[in-house]
N, C-alpha and C. Protein backbone atom coordinates (compact mmCIF):
# COMPACT_ATOMS: atom_id res chain seq x y z
N MET A 1 11.23 -95.27 -15.68
CA MET A 1 11.55 -95.75 -17.01
C MET A 1 13.08 -95.75 -17.13
N ALA A 2 13.55 -96.68 -17.87
CA ALA A 2 14.99 -96.82 -18.06
C ALA A 2 15.55 -95.67 -18.87
N LYS A 3 16.82 -95.35 -18.59
CA LYS A 3 17.49 -94.30 -19.26
C LYS A 3 17.98 -94.88 -20.63
N THR A 4 17.99 -93.93 -21.63
CA THR A 4 18.43 -94.34 -22.98
C THR A 4 19.91 -94.10 -23.12
N ARG A 5 20.56 -95.10 -23.78
CA ARG A 5 21.99 -95.05 -24.02
C ARG A 5 22.22 -94.33 -25.35
N PRO A 6 23.47 -93.95 -25.61
CA PRO A 6 23.75 -93.27 -26.91
C PRO A 6 23.41 -94.14 -28.10
N ASP A 7 23.48 -95.43 -28.00
CA ASP A 7 23.15 -96.30 -29.16
C ASP A 7 21.62 -96.44 -29.42
N GLY A 8 20.79 -95.77 -28.52
CA GLY A 8 19.38 -95.83 -28.74
C GLY A 8 18.73 -96.93 -27.93
N SER A 9 19.48 -97.83 -27.35
CA SER A 9 18.84 -98.85 -26.45
C SER A 9 18.70 -98.27 -25.04
N ALA A 10 17.86 -98.95 -24.31
CA ALA A 10 17.66 -98.52 -22.91
C ALA A 10 18.55 -99.35 -22.02
N SER A 11 18.81 -98.82 -20.82
CA SER A 11 19.61 -99.60 -19.91
C SER A 11 18.85 -100.87 -19.50
N GLY A 12 19.63 -101.92 -19.23
CA GLY A 12 18.96 -103.25 -18.97
C GLY A 12 18.73 -103.96 -20.23
N GLY A 13 19.25 -103.55 -21.39
CA GLY A 13 19.11 -104.32 -22.63
C GLY A 13 17.82 -104.06 -23.35
N ARG A 14 16.95 -103.28 -22.77
CA ARG A 14 15.64 -103.05 -23.38
C ARG A 14 15.80 -101.90 -24.44
N PRO A 15 15.03 -102.02 -25.55
CA PRO A 15 15.14 -100.94 -26.57
C PRO A 15 14.46 -99.72 -25.95
N ALA A 16 14.83 -98.49 -26.46
CA ALA A 16 14.25 -97.31 -26.00
C ALA A 16 12.78 -97.21 -26.54
N LEU A 17 11.90 -96.70 -25.67
CA LEU A 17 10.48 -96.63 -26.02
C LEU A 17 10.10 -95.20 -26.39
N SER A 18 9.23 -95.06 -27.33
CA SER A 18 8.71 -93.74 -27.71
C SER A 18 7.75 -93.27 -26.58
N ASN A 19 7.41 -92.01 -26.62
CA ASN A 19 6.45 -91.46 -25.63
C ASN A 19 5.13 -92.25 -25.65
N LYS A 20 4.68 -92.59 -26.85
CA LYS A 20 3.41 -93.30 -26.98
C LYS A 20 3.52 -94.67 -26.37
N HIS A 21 4.59 -95.40 -26.53
CA HIS A 21 4.82 -96.69 -25.98
C HIS A 21 4.95 -96.57 -24.43
N ARG A 22 5.59 -95.55 -23.93
CA ARG A 22 5.68 -95.38 -22.47
C ARG A 22 4.35 -95.09 -21.90
N ALA A 23 3.55 -94.32 -22.60
CA ALA A 23 2.15 -94.00 -22.12
C ALA A 23 1.26 -95.28 -22.02
N THR A 24 1.43 -96.09 -23.07
CA THR A 24 0.74 -97.41 -23.02
C THR A 24 1.23 -98.25 -21.83
N LEU A 25 2.51 -98.32 -21.64
CA LEU A 25 3.05 -99.15 -20.53
C LEU A 25 2.50 -98.59 -19.20
N GLU A 26 2.51 -97.33 -19.04
CA GLU A 26 2.01 -96.70 -17.81
C GLU A 26 0.52 -96.98 -17.63
N ALA A 27 -0.24 -96.95 -18.74
CA ALA A 27 -1.67 -97.25 -18.63
C ALA A 27 -1.95 -98.66 -18.24
N ILE A 28 -1.05 -99.60 -18.69
CA ILE A 28 -1.22 -101.03 -18.37
C ILE A 28 -1.03 -101.24 -16.87
N PHE A 29 -0.10 -100.52 -16.25
CA PHE A 29 0.24 -100.66 -14.87
C PHE A 29 -0.59 -99.78 -13.92
N GLU A 30 -1.48 -99.00 -14.46
CA GLU A 30 -2.29 -98.15 -13.65
C GLU A 30 -3.26 -98.88 -12.72
N LYS A 31 -3.46 -98.44 -11.53
CA LYS A 31 -4.44 -98.99 -10.60
C LYS A 31 -5.45 -97.93 -10.26
N PRO A 32 -6.73 -98.16 -10.32
CA PRO A 32 -7.41 -99.38 -10.72
C PRO A 32 -7.13 -99.68 -12.18
N THR A 33 -7.24 -100.96 -12.52
CA THR A 33 -7.00 -101.43 -13.92
C THR A 33 -7.94 -100.70 -14.92
N ARG A 34 -7.32 -100.21 -15.94
CA ARG A 34 -8.16 -99.48 -16.96
C ARG A 34 -8.74 -100.50 -17.93
N ALA A 35 -9.88 -100.04 -18.53
CA ALA A 35 -10.58 -100.92 -19.54
C ALA A 35 -10.78 -100.05 -20.82
N ASP A 36 -9.79 -99.23 -21.12
CA ASP A 36 -9.96 -98.35 -22.33
C ASP A 36 -8.64 -98.26 -23.15
N ILE A 37 -7.78 -99.26 -23.01
CA ILE A 37 -6.54 -99.27 -23.74
C ILE A 37 -6.79 -99.95 -25.10
N PRO A 38 -6.48 -99.25 -26.19
CA PRO A 38 -6.67 -99.85 -27.49
C PRO A 38 -5.74 -101.07 -27.65
N TRP A 39 -6.22 -102.19 -28.16
CA TRP A 39 -5.39 -103.37 -28.37
C TRP A 39 -4.20 -103.09 -29.32
N PRO A 40 -4.45 -102.36 -30.42
CA PRO A 40 -3.32 -102.08 -31.30
C PRO A 40 -2.17 -101.36 -30.57
N SER A 41 -2.45 -100.54 -29.53
CA SER A 41 -1.38 -99.90 -28.77
C SER A 41 -0.56 -100.92 -27.94
N ILE A 42 -1.27 -101.94 -27.44
CA ILE A 42 -0.56 -102.96 -26.69
C ILE A 42 0.31 -103.83 -27.61
N VAL A 43 -0.18 -104.14 -28.75
CA VAL A 43 0.64 -104.87 -29.79
C VAL A 43 1.82 -104.03 -30.15
N ALA A 44 1.62 -102.71 -30.36
CA ALA A 44 2.74 -101.84 -30.74
C ALA A 44 3.82 -101.78 -29.67
N LEU A 45 3.36 -101.80 -28.37
CA LEU A 45 4.32 -101.85 -27.28
C LEU A 45 5.15 -103.15 -27.35
N PHE A 46 4.47 -104.26 -27.46
CA PHE A 46 5.17 -105.53 -27.61
C PHE A 46 6.22 -105.48 -28.72
N SER A 47 5.80 -104.90 -29.88
CA SER A 47 6.72 -104.78 -30.99
C SER A 47 7.90 -103.89 -30.61
N ALA A 48 7.62 -102.78 -29.99
CA ALA A 48 8.73 -101.84 -29.57
C ALA A 48 9.67 -102.50 -28.60
N LEU A 49 9.23 -103.49 -27.84
CA LEU A 49 10.07 -104.25 -26.87
C LEU A 49 10.80 -105.39 -27.59
N ASP A 50 10.69 -105.46 -28.92
CA ASP A 50 11.29 -106.47 -29.73
C ASP A 50 10.80 -107.86 -29.51
N ALA A 51 9.45 -107.99 -29.14
CA ALA A 51 8.78 -109.28 -28.97
C ALA A 51 8.57 -109.94 -30.36
N GLU A 52 8.51 -111.24 -30.38
CA GLU A 52 8.09 -111.97 -31.55
C GLU A 52 6.57 -112.07 -31.35
N ILE A 53 5.85 -111.63 -32.41
CA ILE A 53 4.37 -111.66 -32.41
C ILE A 53 3.88 -112.52 -33.55
N ALA A 54 3.02 -113.48 -33.19
CA ALA A 54 2.44 -114.36 -34.26
C ALA A 54 1.00 -114.54 -34.01
N GLN A 55 0.27 -114.58 -35.10
CA GLN A 55 -1.20 -114.81 -35.07
C GLN A 55 -1.41 -116.29 -34.83
N GLY A 56 -2.18 -116.66 -33.77
CA GLY A 56 -2.52 -118.05 -33.53
C GLY A 56 -3.87 -118.32 -34.17
N ARG A 57 -4.54 -119.39 -33.72
CA ARG A 57 -5.86 -119.71 -34.26
C ARG A 57 -6.88 -118.74 -33.74
N GLY A 58 -7.82 -118.37 -34.54
CA GLY A 58 -8.86 -117.48 -34.14
C GLY A 58 -8.33 -116.14 -33.75
N SER A 59 -8.71 -115.68 -32.57
CA SER A 59 -8.25 -114.39 -32.09
C SER A 59 -7.06 -114.43 -31.20
N ARG A 60 -6.32 -115.54 -31.18
CA ARG A 60 -5.15 -115.69 -30.33
C ARG A 60 -3.98 -115.00 -30.94
N ILE A 61 -3.23 -114.33 -30.10
CA ILE A 61 -1.94 -113.67 -30.46
C ILE A 61 -0.89 -114.24 -29.56
N ARG A 62 0.16 -114.78 -30.18
CA ARG A 62 1.26 -115.39 -29.47
C ARG A 62 2.42 -114.37 -29.36
N ILE A 63 2.92 -114.23 -28.15
CA ILE A 63 3.97 -113.27 -27.84
C ILE A 63 5.18 -114.04 -27.29
N ALA A 64 6.32 -113.81 -27.79
CA ALA A 64 7.59 -114.35 -27.26
C ALA A 64 8.45 -113.14 -26.90
N LEU A 65 8.89 -113.05 -25.60
CA LEU A 65 9.64 -111.91 -25.25
C LEU A 65 10.61 -112.35 -24.09
N GLN A 66 11.82 -112.12 -24.26
CA GLN A 66 12.86 -112.38 -23.25
C GLN A 66 12.78 -113.87 -22.77
N GLY A 67 12.64 -114.73 -23.69
CA GLY A 67 12.58 -116.18 -23.32
C GLY A 67 11.28 -116.66 -22.75
N ARG A 68 10.29 -115.83 -22.69
CA ARG A 68 8.97 -116.27 -22.15
C ARG A 68 7.97 -116.14 -23.21
N ARG A 69 6.92 -116.95 -23.10
CA ARG A 69 5.82 -117.00 -24.11
C ARG A 69 4.50 -116.71 -23.42
N ALA A 70 3.61 -116.10 -24.14
CA ALA A 70 2.23 -115.90 -23.64
C ALA A 70 1.31 -115.88 -24.79
N VAL A 71 0.03 -116.21 -24.55
CA VAL A 71 -0.96 -116.21 -25.57
C VAL A 71 -2.07 -115.27 -25.02
N PHE A 72 -2.46 -114.27 -25.84
CA PHE A 72 -3.52 -113.37 -25.46
C PHE A 72 -4.63 -113.46 -26.51
N HIS A 73 -5.81 -113.10 -26.11
CA HIS A 73 -6.96 -113.07 -27.02
C HIS A 73 -7.17 -111.69 -27.45
N GLU A 74 -7.14 -111.46 -28.73
CA GLU A 74 -7.38 -110.11 -29.32
C GLU A 74 -8.83 -109.80 -29.14
N PRO A 75 -9.16 -108.62 -28.62
CA PRO A 75 -10.59 -108.29 -28.43
C PRO A 75 -11.26 -108.01 -29.79
N HIS A 76 -12.50 -108.46 -29.87
CA HIS A 76 -13.28 -108.25 -31.12
C HIS A 76 -14.78 -108.33 -30.74
N PRO A 77 -15.59 -107.66 -31.38
CA PRO A 77 -15.38 -106.77 -32.52
C PRO A 77 -14.76 -105.40 -32.12
N GLU A 78 -14.85 -105.11 -30.86
CA GLU A 78 -14.27 -103.80 -30.40
C GLU A 78 -12.76 -103.98 -30.36
N ARG A 79 -11.98 -102.90 -30.45
CA ARG A 79 -10.55 -102.95 -30.42
C ARG A 79 -10.02 -102.49 -29.06
N ILE A 80 -10.91 -102.36 -28.06
CA ILE A 80 -10.49 -101.93 -26.69
C ILE A 80 -10.31 -103.09 -25.80
N THR A 81 -9.23 -103.13 -25.05
CA THR A 81 -8.89 -104.24 -24.20
C THR A 81 -9.60 -104.17 -22.83
N ASP A 82 -10.24 -105.25 -22.41
CA ASP A 82 -10.97 -105.23 -21.19
C ASP A 82 -10.02 -105.41 -19.98
N LYS A 83 -10.47 -105.18 -18.81
CA LYS A 83 -9.68 -105.19 -17.55
C LYS A 83 -8.99 -106.50 -17.41
N GLY A 84 -9.66 -107.68 -17.67
CA GLY A 84 -9.03 -108.90 -17.45
C GLY A 84 -7.81 -109.13 -18.39
N ALA A 85 -7.94 -108.73 -19.58
CA ALA A 85 -6.82 -108.81 -20.56
C ALA A 85 -5.70 -107.90 -20.19
N VAL A 86 -6.04 -106.68 -19.73
CA VAL A 86 -4.96 -105.73 -19.30
C VAL A 86 -4.25 -106.29 -18.10
N GLU A 87 -4.95 -106.95 -17.21
CA GLU A 87 -4.23 -107.55 -16.05
C GLU A 87 -3.35 -108.74 -16.50
N ASP A 88 -3.81 -109.49 -17.51
CA ASP A 88 -2.93 -110.58 -18.04
C ASP A 88 -1.65 -110.00 -18.70
N VAL A 89 -1.83 -108.91 -19.47
CA VAL A 89 -0.61 -108.30 -20.08
C VAL A 89 0.27 -107.77 -18.99
N ARG A 90 -0.31 -107.12 -17.96
CA ARG A 90 0.50 -106.53 -16.85
C ARG A 90 1.29 -107.68 -16.22
N GLY A 91 0.62 -108.82 -15.92
CA GLY A 91 1.30 -109.92 -15.24
C GLY A 91 2.43 -110.47 -16.07
N PHE A 92 2.22 -110.56 -17.41
CA PHE A 92 3.32 -111.08 -18.26
C PHE A 92 4.47 -110.09 -18.24
N LEU A 93 4.23 -108.77 -18.43
CA LEU A 93 5.27 -107.80 -18.47
C LEU A 93 5.99 -107.74 -17.06
N ASP A 94 5.27 -107.81 -16.03
CA ASP A 94 5.84 -107.73 -14.70
C ASP A 94 6.78 -108.99 -14.48
N ALA A 95 6.36 -110.10 -14.93
CA ALA A 95 7.14 -111.38 -14.77
C ALA A 95 8.50 -111.29 -15.50
N ILE A 96 8.53 -110.59 -16.62
CA ILE A 96 9.82 -110.42 -17.31
C ILE A 96 10.55 -109.14 -16.96
N GLY A 97 10.05 -108.40 -15.96
CA GLY A 97 10.77 -107.26 -15.48
C GLY A 97 10.54 -105.99 -16.30
N VAL A 98 9.48 -105.90 -17.07
CA VAL A 98 9.18 -104.75 -17.85
C VAL A 98 8.14 -103.92 -17.03
N ARG A 99 8.60 -102.77 -16.53
CA ARG A 99 7.67 -101.95 -15.75
C ARG A 99 7.91 -100.49 -16.14
N PRO A 100 6.91 -99.65 -15.90
CA PRO A 100 7.10 -98.23 -16.19
C PRO A 100 8.13 -97.55 -15.34
């Protein structure tokens, strides 16, 4: 994880993450892929990373982060993210250089 600077931001221009956000990030990158990560925790991680989050049509959530965009499907009626969605989130974060 990136070191925190005195101004509260992390090295590399990323904001500092709370312990809960770091735990969510680590869970996303765990192998084998987990299927028990609450969707609100993933959205909170995106928010902590200063992503732009917008509700799309239906269960779609649009994320804009570091000049890249992605669309994810919010799980319903359960609030737990399945393995496929976790892998999609992991791929997006990995592509923009966000790793635990």
